[in-house]
Amino acid sequence: MNDLPHCVACGSEYTYEDGDMYVCPECAHEWSKTAPAESADTSRAVTDAHGTALQDGDSVTVIKNLKVKGSSSVVKVGTKVKNIRLVDGDHDIDCKIDGIGAMKLKSEFVKKA
């Protein structure tokens, strides 16, 4: 069993040792073995197009027609998306849209409902 600490940035259990450092292969975070357990606060404040803070479980409304990559579908202005989940990355909202399915959205194209 792996008795190494979980990644302090993303919580991954797949960390490994590299010299005097621990490395996470999932998020590429590195930290020293000798440093005290840091609670790296990588959760950044995600805000909508109007600057309102978003949280997991919020409902948002799309403020711009968005083309769905690899499809001829479009997410229309005014589409309400319920129960969002915030994730790291360029597209920071993970959600399901009725009629389209699972999608990732950029927070700059939504407003809190």
Protein backbone atom coordinates (compact mmCIF):
# COMPACT_ATOMS: atom_id res chain seq x y z
CA MET A 1 0.00 0.00 0.00
CA ASN A 2 1.06 3.54 -0.65
CA ASP A 3 1.80 5.23 2.70
CA LEU A 4 2.79 8.54 1.11
CA PRO A 5 0.71 11.62 1.89
CA HIS A 6 -2.10 12.64 -0.42
CA CYS A 7 -1.53 15.67 -2.62
CA VAL A 8 -2.08 18.87 -0.66
CA ALA A 9 -3.34 20.67 -3.76
CA CYS A 10 -5.84 18.24 -5.30
CA GLY A 11 -6.09 15.39 -2.78
CA SER A 12 -4.85 12.72 -5.18
CA GLU A 13 -3.64 9.50 -3.62
CA TYR A 14 -1.14 8.81 -6.42
CA THR A 15 1.77 10.89 -5.10
CA TYR A 16 5.35 9.69 -5.47
CA GLU A 17 8.76 10.61 -4.10
CA ASP A 18 11.38 12.40 -6.20
CA GLY A 19 14.51 13.06 -4.18
CA ASP A 20 13.49 15.20 -1.22
CA MET A 21 10.17 16.18 -2.79
CA TYR A 22 6.71 14.67 -3.14
CA VAL A 23 5.12 14.99 -6.59
CA CYS A 24 1.50 14.65 -7.71
CA PRO A 25 1.18 13.20 -11.23
CA GLU A 26 -2.39 14.46 -11.61
CA CYS A 27 -1.93 18.19 -10.93
CA ALA A 28 1.92 18.40 -11.09
CA HIS A 29 2.09 19.97 -7.62
CA GLU A 30 5.43 19.47 -5.82
CA TRP A 31 6.16 19.99 -2.14
CA SER A 32 9.04 19.32 0.20
CA LYS A 33 9.11 16.29 2.48
CA THR A 34 10.53 18.38 5.29
CA ALA A 35 8.03 21.22 5.00
CA PRO A 36 5.12 21.06 7.41
CA ALA A 37 1.91 19.81 5.87
CA GLU A 38 0.70 22.83 4.00
CA SER A 39 -2.91 23.34 3.23
CA ALA A 40 -2.47 24.75 -0.23
CA ASP A 41 -5.57 26.77 -0.91
CA THR A 42 -5.84 26.28 -4.66
CA SER A 43 -9.55 26.97 -4.67
CA ARG A 44 -9.86 30.30 -6.35
CA ALA A 45 -12.94 32.40 -6.18
CA VAL A 46 -15.05 31.68 -9.24
CA THR A 47 -17.27 34.56 -10.25
CA ASP A 48 -19.93 34.96 -12.92
CA ALA A 49 -19.93 37.61 -15.66
CA HIS A 50 -21.19 40.24 -13.19
CA GLY A 51 -18.68 39.45 -10.42
CA THR A 52 -21.02 37.45 -8.19
CA ALA A 53 -19.31 34.56 -6.42
CA LEU A 54 -20.40 31.07 -7.51
CA GLN A 55 -20.51 27.92 -5.39
CA ASP A 56 -21.17 24.25 -6.00
CA GLY A 57 -24.89 23.58 -6.36
CA ASP A 58 -25.80 27.06 -7.61
CA SER A 59 -28.07 27.66 -10.59
CA VAL A 60 -26.84 29.87 -13.41
CA THR A 61 -28.24 31.34 -16.63
CA VAL A 62 -26.30 31.46 -19.90
CA ILE A 63 -25.84 35.06 -21.14
CA LYS A 64 -24.52 34.32 -24.66
CA ASN A 65 -25.28 31.77 -27.38
CA LEU A 66 -22.61 29.08 -27.03
CA LYS A 67 -21.72 26.65 -29.82
CA VAL A 68 -21.22 23.07 -28.67
CA LYS A 69 -17.86 21.85 -29.93
CA GLY A 70 -18.16 18.83 -32.23
CA SER A 71 -21.88 19.28 -32.70
CA SER A 72 -24.32 21.52 -34.51
CA SER A 73 -26.12 22.25 -31.23
CA VAL A 74 -26.16 25.65 -29.56
CA VAL A 75 -26.77 26.53 -25.92
CA LYS A 76 -29.15 29.48 -26.24
CA VAL A 77 -29.17 32.70 -24.24
CA GLY A 78 -31.35 32.33 -21.17
CA THR A 79 -30.78 28.60 -20.73
CA LYS A 80 -30.94 27.85 -17.01
CA VAL A 81 -28.41 25.37 -15.67
CA LYS A 82 -29.09 23.86 -12.24
CA ASN A 83 -26.73 22.28 -9.74
CA ILE A 84 -23.36 23.36 -11.15
CA ARG A 85 -20.04 22.00 -9.92
CA LEU A 86 -16.91 24.15 -9.86
CA VAL A 87 -13.72 22.61 -11.22
CA ASP A 88 -10.19 23.80 -11.95
CA GLY A 89 -9.18 24.67 -15.46
CA ASP A 90 -10.10 26.99 -18.29
CA HIS A 91 -13.73 25.86 -18.27
CA ASP A 92 -14.46 26.12 -14.58
CA ILE A 93 -18.10 24.98 -14.42
CA ASP A 94 -19.12 21.35 -14.85
CA CYS A 95 -22.84 20.80 -15.44
CA LYS A 96 -25.60 18.97 -17.27
CA ILE A 97 -27.80 20.86 -19.72
CA ASP A 98 -31.20 19.48 -20.64
CA GLY A 99 -31.26 18.32 -24.26
CA ILE A 100 -27.47 18.46 -24.62
CA GLY A 101 -25.94 16.54 -21.70
CA ALA A 102 -22.76 16.97 -19.68
CA MET A 103 -20.80 20.11 -20.48
CA LYS A 104 -18.10 22.38 -19.19
CA LEU A 105 -18.74 26.11 -19.25
CA LYS A 106 -16.65 29.20 -18.66
CA SER A 107 -17.93 31.29 -15.78
CA GLU A 108 -17.61 34.47 -17.87
CA PHE A 109 -20.59 33.36 -19.97
CA VAL A 110 -23.07 32.79 -17.14
CA LYS A 111 -24.82 34.81 -14.44
CA LYS A 112 -26.08 33.54 -11.12
CA ALA A 113 -29.81 32.77 -11.25
